[in-house]
PDB file of N, CA and C in Angstrom:
ATOM      1  N   MET A   1      48.346 110.541  94.288  1.00  0.00           N
ATOM      2  CA  MET A   1      49.278 111.649  94.245  1.00  0.00           C
ATOM      3  C   MET A   1      49.797 111.967  92.852  1.00  0.00           C
ATOM      4  N   THR A   2      50.103 112.757  92.173  1.00  0.00           N
ATOM      5  CA  THR A   2      50.744 112.712  91.171  1.00  0.00           C
ATOM      6  C   THR A   2      52.531 113.356  91.296  1.00  0.00           C
ATOM      7  N   LEU A   3      53.128 113.153  90.093  1.00  0.00           N
ATOM      8  CA  LEU A   3      54.705 113.576  90.176  1.00  0.00           C
ATOM      9  C   LEU A   3      54.680 114.923  90.813  1.00  0.00           C
ATOM     10  N   GLY A   4      54.011 115.551  90.230  1.00  0.00           N
ATOM     11  CA  GLY A   4      54.384 117.117  90.629  1.00  0.00           C
ATOM     12  C   GLY A   4      53.865 117.179  92.291  1.00  0.00           C
ATOM     13  N   TRP A   5      53.225 116.854  93.078  1.00  0.00           N
ATOM     14  CA  TRP A   5      52.709 116.732  94.231  1.00  0.00           C
ATOM     15  C   TRP A   5      53.780 116.187  94.814  1.00  0.00           C
ATOM     16  N   ARG A   6      54.688 115.020  94.515  1.00  0.00           N
ATOM     17  CA  ARG A   6      55.449 113.986  95.362  1.00  0.00           C
ATOM     18  C   ARG A   6      56.612 114.922  94.877  1.00  0.00           C
ATOM     19  N   LEU A   7      57.034 115.645  93.795  1.00  0.00           N
ATOM     20  CA  LEU A   7      58.083 116.320  93.691  1.00  0.00           C
ATOM     21  C   LEU A   7      58.058 117.528  94.888  1.00  0.00           C
ATOM     22  N   LYS A   8      56.894 118.794  94.944  1.00  0.00           N
ATOM     23  CA  LYS A   8      57.034 119.244  95.842  1.00  0.00           C
ATOM     24  C   LYS A   8      56.997 119.048  97.031  1.00  0.00           C
ATOM     25  N   LYS A   9      56.646 117.802  97.735  1.00  0.00           N
ATOM     26  CA  LYS A   9      56.276 117.377  99.246  1.00  0.00           C
ATOM     27  C   LYS A   9      58.081 117.028  99.305  1.00  0.00           C
ATOM     28  N   ALA A  10      58.688 116.398  98.391  1.00  0.00           N
ATOM     29  CA  ALA A  10      59.977 116.050  98.695  1.00  0.00           C
ATOM     30  C   ALA A  10      61.101 117.142  98.619  1.00  0.00           C
ATOM     31  N   ARG A  11      60.581 118.173  97.872  1.00  0.00           N
ATOM     32  CA  ARG A  11      61.545 119.422  97.915  1.00  0.00           C
ATOM     33  C   ARG A  11      61.230 120.169  99.082  1.00  0.00           C
ATOM     34  N   GLU A  12      60.120 120.221  99.326  1.00  0.00           N
ATOM     35  CA  GLU A  12      59.600 121.293 100.779  1.00  0.00           C
ATOM     36  C   GLU A  12      60.307 120.270 102.120  1.00  0.00           C
ATOM     37  N   SER A  13      60.057 118.702 102.069  1.00  0.00           N
ATOM     38  CA  SER A  13      60.481 118.408 103.333  1.00  0.00           C
ATOM     39  C   SER A  13      62.212 118.599 103.322  1.00  0.00           C
ATOM     40  N   ARG A  14      62.954 119.069 102.095  1.00  0.00           N
ATOM     41  CA  ARG A  14      64.737 119.359 102.364  1.00  0.00           C
ATOM     42  C   ARG A  14      64.653 120.631 102.289  1.00  0.00           C
ATOM     43  N   GLU A  15      63.646 121.146 102.448  1.00  0.00           N
ATOM     44  CA  GLU A  15      63.844 122.468 102.751  1.00  0.00           C
ATOM     45  C   GLU A  15      64.455 123.467 101.764  1.00  0.00           C
ATOM     46  N   LEU A  16      63.978 123.225 100.406  1.00  0.00           N
ATOM     47  CA  LEU A  16      64.899 123.629  99.293  1.00  0.00           C
ATOM     48  C   LEU A  16      63.703 124.700  98.498  1.00  0.00           C
ATOM     49  N   THR A  17      63.986 125.649  97.919  1.00  0.00           N
ATOM     50  CA  THR A  17      63.092 126.819  96.809  1.00  0.00           C
ATOM     51  C   THR A  17      63.023 125.955  95.590  1.00  0.00           C
ATOM     52  N   GLN A  18      62.323 126.504  95.080  1.00  0.00           N
ATOM     53  CA  GLN A  18      62.344 125.920  93.371  1.00  0.00           C
ATOM     54  C   GLN A  18      63.568 126.732  92.367  1.00  0.00           C
ATOM     55  N   VAL A  19      63.965 127.594  93.119  1.00  0.00           N
ATOM     56  CA  VAL A  19      65.091 128.242  92.583  1.00  0.00           C
ATOM     57  C   VAL A  19      66.256 127.428  92.882  1.00  0.00           C
ATOM     58  N   GLU A  20      66.643 127.337  94.112  1.00  0.00           N
ATOM     59  CA  GLU A  20      67.570 125.870  94.780  1.00  0.00           C
ATOM     60  C   GLU A  20      67.549 124.912  93.946  1.00  0.00           C
ATOM     61  N   LEU A  21      66.870 124.020  93.839  1.00  0.00           N
ATOM     62  CA  LEU A  21      66.576 122.645  93.050  1.00  0.00           C
ATOM     63  C   LEU A  21      66.700 122.868  91.851  1.00  0.00           C
ATOM     64  N   GLY A  22      66.429 124.090  91.069  1.00  0.00           N
ATOM     65  CA  GLY A  22      66.461 123.991  89.876  1.00  0.00           C
ATOM     66  C   GLY A  22      68.040 124.322  89.676  1.00  0.00           C
ATOM     67  N   ARG A  23      68.624 124.901  90.194  1.00  0.00           N
ATOM     68  CA  ARG A  23      70.118 125.206  90.372  1.00  0.00           C
ATOM     69  C   ARG A  23      70.862 123.902  90.431  1.00  0.00           C
ATOM     70  N   LEU A  24      70.340 123.406  91.521  1.00  0.00           N
ATOM     71  CA  LEU A  24      71.134 122.000  91.574  1.00  0.00           C
ATOM     72  C   LEU A  24      70.855 121.041  90.778  1.00  0.00           C
ATOM     73  N   ILE A  25      70.396 120.893  89.812  1.00  0.00           N
ATOM     74  CA  ILE A  25      69.577 119.950  88.664  1.00  0.00           C
ATOM     75  C   ILE A  25      69.997 120.560  87.296  1.00  0.00           C
ATOM     76  N   GLY A  26      70.627 121.875  87.290  1.00  0.00           N
ATOM     77  CA  GLY A  26      70.280 122.337  86.001  1.00  0.00           C
ATOM     78  C   GLY A  26      69.161 122.738  85.104  1.00  0.00           C
ATOM     79  N   VAL A  27      68.153 123.402  85.918  1.00  0.00           N
ATOM     80  CA  VAL A  27      67.222 123.869  85.214  1.00  0.00           C
ATOM     81  C   VAL A  27      66.672 125.276  85.869  1.00  0.00           C
ATOM     82  N   THR A  28      65.526 125.697  85.529  1.00  0.00           N
ATOM     83  CA  THR A  28      65.138 127.222  86.002  1.00  0.00           C
ATOM     84  C   THR A  28      63.967 126.831  86.617  1.00  0.00           C
ATOM     85  N   ASP A  29      63.791 127.817  87.844  1.00  0.00           N
ATOM     86  CA  ASP A  29      62.747 127.492  88.962  1.00  0.00           C
ATOM     87  C   ASP A  29      61.323 127.478  88.146  1.00  0.00           C
ATOM     88  N   ALA A  30      61.583 128.313  86.637  1.00  0.00           N
ATOM     89  CA  ALA A  30      59.965 128.042  86.330  1.00  0.00           C
ATOM     90  C   ALA A  30      59.631 126.603  85.463  1.00  0.00           C
ATOM     91  N   THR A  31      60.853 125.913  85.316  1.00  0.00           N
ATOM     92  CA  THR A  31      60.698 124.445  84.787  1.00  0.00           C
ATOM     93  C   THR A  31      60.392 123.837  86.222  1.00  0.00           C
ATOM     94  N   ILE A  32      60.748 123.930  87.217  1.00  0.00           N
ATOM     95  CA  ILE A  32      60.501 123.014  88.507  1.00  0.00           C
ATOM     96  C   ILE A  32      59.210 123.298  88.847  1.00  0.00           C
ATOM     97  N   ASN A  33      58.672 124.645  88.854  1.00  0.00           N
ATOM     98  CA  ASN A  33      57.162 125.183  89.231  1.00  0.00           C
ATOM     99  C   ASN A  33      56.031 124.361  87.948  1.00  0.00           C
ATOM    100  N   ARG A  34      56.704 124.025  86.589  1.00  0.00           N
ATOM    101  CA  ARG A  34      55.786 123.202  85.802  1.00  0.00           C
ATOM    102  C   ARG A  34      55.525 121.913  85.949  1.00  0.00           C
ATOM    103  N   TYR A  35      56.862 121.640  86.703  1.00  0.00           N
ATOM    104  CA  TYR A  35      56.826 120.134  87.408  1.00  0.00           C
ATOM    105  C   TYR A  35      56.044 119.648  88.201  1.00  0.00           C
ATOM    106  N   GLU A  36      56.126 120.928  89.308  1.00  0.00           N
ATOM    107  CA  GLU A  36      55.157 120.506  90.238  1.00  0.00           C
ATOM    108  C   GLU A  36      53.539 120.651  89.978  1.00  0.00           C
ATOM    109  N   LYS A  37      53.302 121.706  89.170  1.00  0.00           N
ATOM    110  CA  LYS A  37      52.440 121.811  88.678  1.00  0.00           C
ATOM    111  C   LYS A  37      51.471 120.844  87.766  1.00  0.00           C
ATOM    112  N   ASP A  38      52.400 120.041  87.583  1.00  0.00           N
ATOM    113  CA  ASP A  38      51.857 118.834  86.341  1.00  0.00           C
ATOM    114  C   ASP A  38      51.574 119.568  85.150  1.00  0.00           C
ATOM    115  N   LEU A  39      52.337 120.636  84.701  1.00  0.00           N
ATOM    116  CA  LEU A  39      52.122 121.128  83.250  1.00  0.00           C
ATOM    117  C   LEU A  39      53.416 120.516  82.627  1.00  0.00           C
ATOM    118  N   ARG A  40      53.900 119.933  83.022  1.00  0.00           N
ATOM    119  CA  ARG A  40      55.208 119.269  82.469  1.00  0.00           C
ATOM    120  C   ARG A  40      56.169 118.145  82.817  1.00  0.00           C
ATOM    121  N   SER A  41      56.776 117.135  82.142  1.00  0.00           N
ATOM    122  CA  SER A  41      57.041 115.967  82.772  1.00  0.00           C
ATOM    123  C   SER A  41      58.390 116.230  82.401  1.00  0.00           C
ATOM    124  N   PRO A  42      59.362 116.148  83.647  1.00  0.00           N
ATOM    125  CA  PRO A  42      60.925 115.501  83.520  1.00  0.00           C
ATOM    126  C   PRO A  42      61.305 114.424  82.391  1.00  0.00           C
ATOM    127  N   ASP A  43      62.447 114.973  81.568  1.00  0.00           N
ATOM    128  CA  ASP A  43      62.849 113.892  81.101  1.00  0.00           C
ATOM    129  C   ASP A  43      63.687 112.770  81.917  1.00  0.00           C
ATOM    130  N   PRO A  44      63.924 111.483  81.687  1.00  0.00           N
ATOM    131  CA  PRO A  44      64.061 110.150  82.361  1.00  0.00           C
ATOM    132  C   PRO A  44      65.789 111.019  82.894  1.00  0.00           C
ATOM    133  N   SER A  45      66.743 111.460  82.407  1.00  0.00           N
ATOM    134  CA  SER A  45      67.770 111.910  82.929  1.00  0.00           C
ATOM    135  C   SER A  45      67.447 113.126  84.154  1.00  0.00           C
ATOM    136  N   THR A  46      66.640 114.205  83.989  1.00  0.00           N
ATOM    137  CA  THR A  46      66.598 114.996  84.795  1.00  0.00           C
ATOM    138  C   THR A  46      65.362 114.409  85.828  1.00  0.00           C
ATOM    139  N   LEU A  47      64.998 113.551  85.838  1.00  0.00           N
ATOM    140  CA  LEU A  47      64.055 112.512  86.644  1.00  0.00           C
ATOM    141  C   LEU A  47      64.945 112.049  87.768  1.00  0.00           C
ATOM    142  N   LYS A  48      65.985 111.260  87.069  1.00  0.00           N
ATOM    143  CA  LYS A  48      67.233 110.744  87.691  1.00  0.00           C
ATOM    144  C   LYS A  48      67.862 111.864  88.514  1.00  0.00           C
ATOM    145  N   LYS A  49      68.291 113.178  88.355  1.00  0.00           N
ATOM    146  CA  LYS A  49      68.925 114.149  89.173  1.00  0.00           C
ATOM    147  C   LYS A  49      68.123 114.321  90.086  1.00  0.00           C
ATOM    148  N   LEU A  50      66.803 114.586  89.633  1.00  0.00           N
ATOM    149  CA  LEU A  50      65.462 115.148  91.050  1.00  0.00           C
ATOM    150  C   LEU A  50      65.477 114.202  92.019  1.00  0.00           C
ATOM    151  N   ALA A  51      65.488 112.727  91.481  1.00  0.00           N
ATOM    152  CA  ALA A  51      65.519 111.752  92.666  1.00  0.00           C
ATOM    153  C   ALA A  51      66.886 111.582  93.417  1.00  0.00           C
ATOM    154  N   SER A  52      67.885 112.286  92.808  1.00  0.00           N
ATOM    155  CA  SER A  52      69.282 111.953  93.770  1.00  0.00           C
ATOM    156  C   SER A  52      69.419 113.166  94.641  1.00  0.00           C
ATOM    157  N   VAL A  53      69.103 113.905  94.069  1.00  0.00           N
ATOM    158  CA  VAL A  53      69.098 115.645  94.729  1.00  0.00           C
ATOM    159  C   VAL A  53      68.091 115.287  96.274  1.00  0.00           C
ATOM    160  N   LEU A  54      66.748 114.837  95.690  1.00  0.00           N
ATOM    161  CA  LEU A  54      65.825 114.827  96.523  1.00  0.00           C
ATOM    162  C   LEU A  54      66.319 113.770  97.791  1.00  0.00           C
ATOM    163  N   GLU A  55      66.879 112.769  97.570  1.00  0.00           N
ATOM    164  CA  GLU A  55      67.079 111.404  98.421  1.00  0.00           C
ATOM    165  C   GLU A  55      65.902 110.961  98.443  1.00  0.00           C
ATOM    166  N   THR A  56      65.445 110.362  96.993  1.00  0.00           N
ATOM    167  CA  THR A  56      64.227 109.646  97.237  1.00  0.00           C
ATOM    168  C   THR A  56      64.526 108.373  95.659  1.00  0.00           C
ATOM    169  N   SER A  57      63.484 108.003  95.197  1.00  0.00           N
ATOM    170  CA  SER A  57      64.056 107.113  93.945  1.00  0.00           C
ATOM    171  C   SER A  57      63.038 107.401  93.079  1.00  0.00           C
ATOM    172  N   VAL A  58      63.524 107.218  91.677  1.00  0.00           N
ATOM    173  CA  VAL A  58      62.566 107.360  90.744  1.00  0.00           C
ATOM    174  C   VAL A  58      61.108 106.882  90.955  1.00  0.00           C
ATOM    175  N   ASP A  59      60.991 105.755  91.508  1.00  0.00           N
ATOM    176  CA  ASP A  59      60.174 104.613  91.257  1.00  0.00           C
ATOM    177  C   ASP A  59      59.164 105.362  92.291  1.00  0.00           C
ATOM    178  N   TYR A  60      59.542 105.960  93.499  1.00  0.00           N
ATOM    179  CA  TYR A  60      58.588 106.991  94.645  1.00  0.00           C
ATOM    180  C   TYR A  60      58.424 107.887  93.588  1.00  0.00           C
ATOM    181  N   LEU A  61      58.801 108.975  92.838  1.00  0.00           N
ATOM    182  CA  LEU A  61      58.420 109.937  92.407  1.00  0.00           C
ATOM    183  C   LEU A  61      57.395 109.523  91.306  1.00  0.00           C
ATOM    184  N   LEU A  62      57.524 108.686  90.487  1.00  0.00           N
ATOM    185  CA  LEU A  62      56.852 107.832  89.354  1.00  0.00           C
ATOM    186  C   LEU A  62      55.267 107.317  89.789  1.00  0.00           C
ATOM    187  N   GLU A  63      55.569 107.111  91.201  1.00  0.00           N
ATOM    188  CA  GLU A  63      54.577 106.703  92.057  1.00  0.00           C
ATOM    189  C   GLU A  63      54.389 105.157  91.846  1.00  0.00           C
ATOM    190  N   THR A  64      55.534 104.558  91.391  1.00  0.00           N
ATOM    191  CA  THR A  64      55.159 102.892  91.066  1.00  0.00           C
ATOM    192  C   THR A  64      55.624 102.378  92.560  1.00  0.00           C
ATOM    193  N   ALA A  65      56.403 103.222  93.420  1.00  0.00           N
ATOM    194  CA  ALA A  65      56.968 102.634  94.674  1.00  0.00           C
ATOM    195  C   ALA A  65      55.633 103.214  95.472  1.00  0.00           C
ATOM    196  N   LYS A  66      55.003 102.078  96.623  1.00  0.00           N
ATOM    197  CA  LYS A  66      54.401 102.443  97.471  1.00  0.00           C
ATOM    198  C   LYS A  66      54.310 101.855  98.729  1.00  0.00           C
ATOM    199  N   GLY A  67      55.357 102.000  99.372  1.00  0.00           N
ATOM    200  CA  GLY A  67      55.550 101.313 100.762  1.00  0.00           C
ATOM    201  C   GLY A  67      55.564 102.241 102.017  1.00  0.00           C
ATOM    202  N   PRO A  68      55.662 101.498 102.919  1.00  0.00           N
ATOM    203  CA  PRO A  68      56.120 102.405 104.419  1.00  0.00           C
ATOM    204  C   PRO A  68      56.932 103.278 104.680  1.00  0.00           C
ATOM    205  N   ASP A  69      58.008 103.293 103.721  1.00  0.00           N
ATOM    206  CA  ASP A  69      59.151 104.387 104.107  1.00  0.00           C
ATOM    207  C   ASP A  69      58.530 105.616 103.701  1.00  0.00           C
ATOM    208  N   HIS A  70      57.835 105.622 102.254  1.00  0.00           N
ATOM    209  CA  HIS A  70      57.194 106.631 101.512  1.00  0.00           C
ATOM    210  C   HIS A  70      56.200 106.975 102.098  1.00  0.00           C
ATOM    211  N   ASP A  71      55.095 106.352 102.648  1.00  0.00           N
ATOM    212  CA  ASP A  71      54.051 106.787 103.146  1.00  0.00           C
ATOM    213  C   ASP A  71      54.658 107.600 104.793  1.00  0.00           C
ATOM    214  N   PHE A  72      55.407 107.029 105.330  1.00  0.00           N
ATOM    215  CA  PHE A  72      56.237 107.755 106.654  1.00  0.00           C
ATOM    216  C   PHE A  72      56.714 109.205 106.316  1.00  0.00           C
ATOM    217  N   GLU A  73      56.980 109.145 105.307  1.00  0.00           N
ATOM    218  CA  GLU A  73      57.405 110.867 104.845  1.00  0.00           C
ATOM    219  C   GLU A  73      55.958 111.490 104.764  1.00  0.00           C
ATOM    220  N   GLN A  74      55.041 111.118 104.367  1.00  0.00           N
ATOM    221  CA  GLN A  74      53.704 111.955 103.942  1.00  0.00           C
ATOM    222  C   GLN A  74      52.978 112.007 105.330  1.00  0.00           C
ATOM    223  N   LEU A  75      52.894 110.886 106.372  1.00  0.00           N
ATOM    224  CA  LEU A  75      52.082 111.040 107.797  1.00  0.00           C
ATOM    225  C   LEU A  75      53.243 112.232 108.549  1.00  0.00           C
ATOM    226  N   TRP A  76      54.388 111.988 108.715  1.00  0.00           N
ATOM    227  CA  TRP A  76      55.300 112.731 109.613  1.00  0.00           C
ATOM    228  C   TRP A  76      56.042 113.810 108.755  1.00  0.00           C
ATOM    229  N   PRO A  77      55.784 114.398 108.309  1.00  0.00           N
ATOM    230  CA  PRO A  77      56.737 115.644 107.297  1.00  0.00           C
ATOM    231  C   PRO A  77      57.427 116.264 108.174  1.00  0.00           C
ATOM    232  N   GLU A  78      56.866 116.752 109.637  1.00  0.00           N
ATOM    233  CA  GLU A  78      57.887 117.567 110.465  1.00  0.00           C
ATOM    234  C   GLU A  78      58.737 116.529 111.313  1.00  0.00           C
ATOM    235  N   GLY A  79      58.355 115.641 111.176  1.00  0.00           N
ATOM    236  CA  GLY A  79      59.872 114.863 112.327  1.00  0.00           C
ATOM    237  C   GLY A  79      61.008 114.479 111.031  1.00  0.00           C
ATOM    238  N   ILE A  80      60.425 114.238 109.794  1.00  0.00           N
ATOM    239  CA  ILE A  80      61.391 114.002 109.040  1.00  0.00           C
ATOM    240  C   ILE A  80      62.554 115.282 108.501  1.00  0.00           C
ATOM    241  N   LYS A  81      61.909 116.825 108.726  1.00  0.00           N
ATOM    242  CA  LYS A  81      62.787 117.602 108.739  1.00  0.00           C
ATOM    243  C   LYS A  81      63.206 118.006 109.666  1.00  0.00           C
ATOM    244  N   VAL A  82      63.012 117.411 110.971  1.00  0.00           N
ATOM    245  CA  VAL A  82      63.834 117.777 112.323  1.00  0.00           C
ATOM    246  C   VAL A  82      65.150 116.609 112.042  1.00  0.00           C
ATOM    247  N   LEU A  83      64.948 115.253 111.666  1.00  0.00           N
ATOM    248  CA  LEU A  83      65.580 114.419 111.344  1.00  0.00           C
ATOM    249  C   LEU A  83      66.821 114.788 110.203  1.00  0.00           C
ATOM    250  N   ARG A  84      66.497 115.349 109.232  1.00  0.00           N
ATOM    251  CA  ARG A  84      67.040 115.953 108.151  1.00  0.00           C
ATOM    252  C   ARG A  84      68.403 116.867 108.589  1.00  0.00           C
ATOM    253  N   ARG A  85      67.665 117.857 109.535  1.00  0.00           N
ATOM    254  CA  ARG A  85      68.417 119.092 110.037  1.00  0.00           C
ATOM    255  C   ARG A  85      69.349 118.433 110.722  1.00  0.00           C
ATOM    256  N   ALA A  86      69.068 117.584 111.642  1.00  0.00           N
ATOM    257  CA  ALA A  86      69.950 117.199 112.698  1.00  0.00           C
ATOM    258  C   ALA A  86      70.881 116.564 112.026  1.00  0.00           C
ATOM    259  N   HIS A  87      70.601 116.122 111.501  1.00  0.00           N
ATOM    260  CA  HIS A  87      71.621 115.091 110.311  1.00  0.00           C
ATOM    261  C   HIS A  87      72.501 115.894 109.564  1.00  0.00           C
ATOM    262  N   ASN A  88      72.222 117.026 109.419  1.00  0.00           N
ATOM    263  CA  ASN A  88      73.132 118.078 108.471  1.00  0.00           C
ATOM    264  C   ASN A  88      74.052 118.891 109.557  1.00  0.00           C
ATOM    265  N   LYS A  89      73.650 118.764 110.790  1.00  0.00           N
ATOM    266  CA  LYS A  89      74.518 119.405 111.882  1.00  0.00           C
ATOM    267  C   LYS A  89      75.085 118.405 112.615  1.00  0.00           C
ATOM    268  N   LEU A  90      75.239 117.225 112.914  1.00  0.00           N
ATOM    269  CA  LEU A  90      75.662 116.367 113.684  1.00  0.00           C
ATOM    270  C   LEU A  90      77.025 116.096 112.772  1.00  0.00           C
ATOM    271  N   SER A  91      77.711 115.442 114.233  1.00  0.00           N
ATOM    272  CA  SER A  91      78.900 114.702 113.444  1.00  0.00           C
ATOM    273  C   SER A  91      78.731 113.336 113.493  1.00  0.00           C
ATOM    274  N   ASP A  92      79.662 112.464 112.973  1.00  0.00           N
ATOM    275  CA  ASP A  92      79.078 110.995 112.797  1.00  0.00           C
ATOM    276  C   ASP A  92      78.805 110.569 114.018  1.00  0.00           C
ATOM    277  N   THR A  93      79.658 110.631 115.076  1.00  0.00           N
ATOM    278  CA  THR A  93      79.601 110.368 116.506  1.00  0.00           C
ATOM    279  C   THR A  93      78.477 110.513 117.112  1.00  0.00           C
ATOM    280  N   GLU A  94      77.557 111.715 116.856  1.00  0.00           N
ATOM    281  CA  GLU A  94      76.184 112.308 117.490  1.00  0.00           C
ATOM    282  C   GLU A  94      74.982 111.551 116.757  1.00  0.00           C
ATOM    283  N   ARG A  95      75.394 111.099 115.504  1.00  0.00           N
ATOM    284  CA  ARG A  95      74.364 111.018 114.390  1.00  0.00           C
ATOM    285  C   ARG A  95      74.035 109.047 115.022  1.00  0.00           C
ATOM    286  N   GLU A  96      75.118 108.716 115.240  1.00  0.00           N
ATOM    287  CA  GLU A  96      75.454 107.366 115.567  1.00  0.00           C
ATOM    288  C   GLU A  96      74.342 107.335 117.308  1.00  0.00           C
ATOM    289  N   ARG A  97      74.698 108.063 117.835  1.00  0.00           N
ATOM    290  CA  ARG A  97      74.342 108.630 119.646  1.00  0.00           C
ATOM    291  C   ARG A  97      72.891 108.489 119.144  1.00  0.00           C
ATOM    292  N   MET A  98      72.510 109.298 118.341  1.00  0.00           N
ATOM    293  CA  MET A  98      70.814 109.430 118.140  1.00  0.00           C
ATOM    294  C   MET A  98      70.157 108.498 117.419  1.00  0.00           C
ATOM    295  N   LEU A  99      70.672 107.852 116.671  1.00  0.00           N
ATOM    296  CA  LEU A  99      70.059 106.468 115.846  1.00  0.00           C
ATOM    297  C   LEU A  99      69.725 105.542 117.142  1.00  0.00           C
ATOM    298  N   ARG A 100      71.072 105.359 117.774  1.00  0.00           N
ATOM    299  CA  ARG A 100      70.843 104.387 119.174  1.00  0.00           C
ATOM    300  C   ARG A 100      69.623 105.090 119.835  1.00  0.00           C
ATOM    301  N   LEU A 101      69.383 106.188 120.358  1.00  0.00           N
ATOM    302  CA  LEU A 101      68.388 106.525 120.930  1.00  0.00           C
ATOM    303  C   LEU A 101      67.160 106.606 120.592  1.00  0.00           C
ATOM    304  N   ILE A 102      67.333 106.837 119.385  1.00  0.00           N
ATOM    305  CA  ILE A 102      65.753 106.158 118.407  1.00  0.00           C
ATOM    306  C   ILE A 102      65.273 104.913 118.676  1.00  0.00           C
ATOM    307  N   ASN A 103      66.396 103.931 118.012  1.00  0.00           N
ATOM    308  CA  ASN A 103      66.092 102.705 118.353  1.00  0.00           C
ATOM    309  C   ASN A 103      65.503 102.037 119.540  1.00  0.00           C
ATOM    310  N   ALA A 104      66.504 102.736 120.600  1.00  0.00           N
ATOM    311  CA  ALA A 104      65.836 102.627 121.980  1.00  0.00           C
ATOM    312  C   ALA A 104      64.395 102.811 122.380  1.00  0.00           C
ATOM    313  N   PHE A 105      64.177 104.308 121.677  1.00  0.00           N
ATOM    314  CA  PHE A 105      62.725 104.472 122.151  1.00  0.00           C
ATOM    315  C   PHE A 105      61.598 103.700 121.186  1.00  0.00           C
ATOM    316  N   ILE A 106      61.973 103.091 119.954  1.00  0.00           N
ATOM    317  CA  ILE A 106      61.135 102.195 119.399  1.00  0.00           C
ATOM    318  C   ILE A 106      60.722 101.059 119.826  1.00  0.00           C
ATOM    319  N   LYS A 107      62.253 100.562 120.498  1.00  0.00           N
ATOM    320  CA  LYS A 107      61.879  99.034 121.201  1.00  0.00           C
ATOM    321  C   LYS A 107      61.085  99.608 122.394  1.00  0.00           C
ATOM    322  N   GLU A 108      61.117 100.231 123.282  1.00  0.00           N
ATOM    323  CA  GLU A 108      60.620 100.457 124.020  1.00  0.00           C
ATOM    324  C   GLU A 108      58.877 100.549 123.744  1.00  0.00           C
ATOM    325  N   ALA A 109      58.704 101.170 122.598  1.00  0.00           N
ATOM    326  CA  ALA A 109      57.357 101.629 122.369  1.00  0.00           C
ATOM    327  C   ALA A 109      56.962 100.197 122.163  1.00  0.00           C
ATOM    328  N   GLU A 110      57.297  99.460 121.449  1.00  0.00           N
ATOM    329  CA  GLU A 110      57.042  97.789 120.516  1.00  0.00           C
ATOM    330  C   GLU A 110      56.843  96.929 122.132  1.00  0.00           C
ATOM    331  N   ASP A 111      57.512  96.814 122.783  1.00  0.00           N
ATOM    332  CA  ASP A 111      57.691  96.269 123.890  1.00  0.00           C
ATOM    333  C   ASP A 111      56.429  96.765 124.914  1.00  0.00           C
ATOM    334  N   GLU A 112      56.024  97.759 124.959  1.00  0.00           N
ATOM    335  CA  GLU A 112      54.835  98.686 125.932  1.00  0.00           C
ATOM    336  C   GLU A 112      53.348  97.965 124.871  1.00  0.00           C
ATOM    337  N   ALA A 113      53.526  98.190 123.672  1.00  0.00           N
ATOM    338  CA  ALA A 113      52.292  98.207 123.063  1.00  0.00           C
ATOM    339  C   ALA A 113      52.126  96.174 123.167  1.00  0.00           C
ATOM    340  N   GLU A 114      53.671  95.368 123.108  1.00  0.00           N
ATOM    341  CA  GLU A 114      53.317  93.762 123.180  1.00  0.00           C
ATOM    342  C   GLU A 114      52.663  93.896 124.551  1.00  0.00           C
ATOM    343  N   LYS A 115      52.889  94.444 125.722  1.00  0.00           N
ATOM    344  CA  LYS A 115      52.474  94.001 126.645  1.00  0.00           C
ATOM    345  C   LYS A 115      51.100  94.493 126.946  1.00  0.00           C
ATOM    346  N   GLY A 116      50.692  95.732 126.274  1.00  0.00           N
ATOM    347  CA  GLY A 116      48.758  96.242 126.212  1.00  0.00           C
ATOM    348  C   GLY A 116      48.236  95.142 125.450  1.00  0.00           C
ATOM    349  N   LYS A 117      48.896  94.176 124.411  1.00  0.00           N
ATOM    350  CA  LYS A 117      48.115  93.158 123.909  1.00  0.00           C
ATOM    351  C   LYS A 117      47.767  92.080 124.698  1.00  0.00           C
ATOM    352  N   LYS A 118      48.343  91.764 125.713  1.00  0.00           N
ATOM    353  CA  LYS A 118      48.803  90.286 126.709  1.00  0.00           C
ATOM    354  C   LYS A 118      47.529  90.833 127.583  1.00  0.00           C
TER     355      LYS A 118
END
C-alpha cells in the first residue's frame, strides 16, 4: 500500500472530500488528488498536518507503522465510520457508556472463545 492509498482511505474513513481536506491543511483539492494518486508527495510539514487532521500518524501514512490498530481500520472501515460518527454526536457521558458497552461485548466474546478452546 502506498502513501496515496493510505491517505485516501484515511480521508474517506473520516468522510472528508478532497476539497474539505485541502482546506483544512491549506492546499488545493488538486494537490490532494495528486497525493492520493502518488503523483506527488507532501513535504514533511504538510505530512504532519495531514496526519493530525486525519487522526493518524505520519508513520502510518509512510507505511513505517504496521500494527493491529492500523490493520483494523483496513479490515473494518464501516465500523470505524460508525464509531467516529457516534463519537462526534454523543456527549462525554454517552461516549463513556458506549465504551463500557463495547468493552463488555469484547470481554464476553473473549470469554466465549476461551470456553471453546477447553
